[in-house]
Amino acid sequence: MESHKEAEPKTIEGKILHDAHLIEGGKTFMIVKSLITGALRGQTLQETIEYIEKNLLGKFRCYLPEAQKLYKEKEKFTQEFLKELKTSLSYLKPSNKHIKEG
């Protein structure tokens, strides 16, 4: 069966199955699945964000035009979400500006 993300599907059925796997769950699925998987692996939030950016975004493609559009929207949503999340997290980091030296 042609359902693996890594192998290029040869048949139209294989392409449909491949694309369905990538677009499943809508725009938020990649984020939610990655956060849950990262937590189960014992990763920090930062490690999970880095994993998504390094191993998921821009690494896969759909074959059918309809799926390409949906997957592009899913990746764009994920990129924007991660950008906003990282900005929010940077505000939570302790600042040493309030510590007086000397």
Foldseek 3Di string as FASTA:
>chain_A
DLQDQVDDDDDPVSLVNNLCVLCPPAQCVVVVVLVVVCVVVVHDPVVSLVCCVPPPQPPGAHDDPVSRVRNVSSSVSSVVVSVVVVVVVVVVDDDCPPPDDD
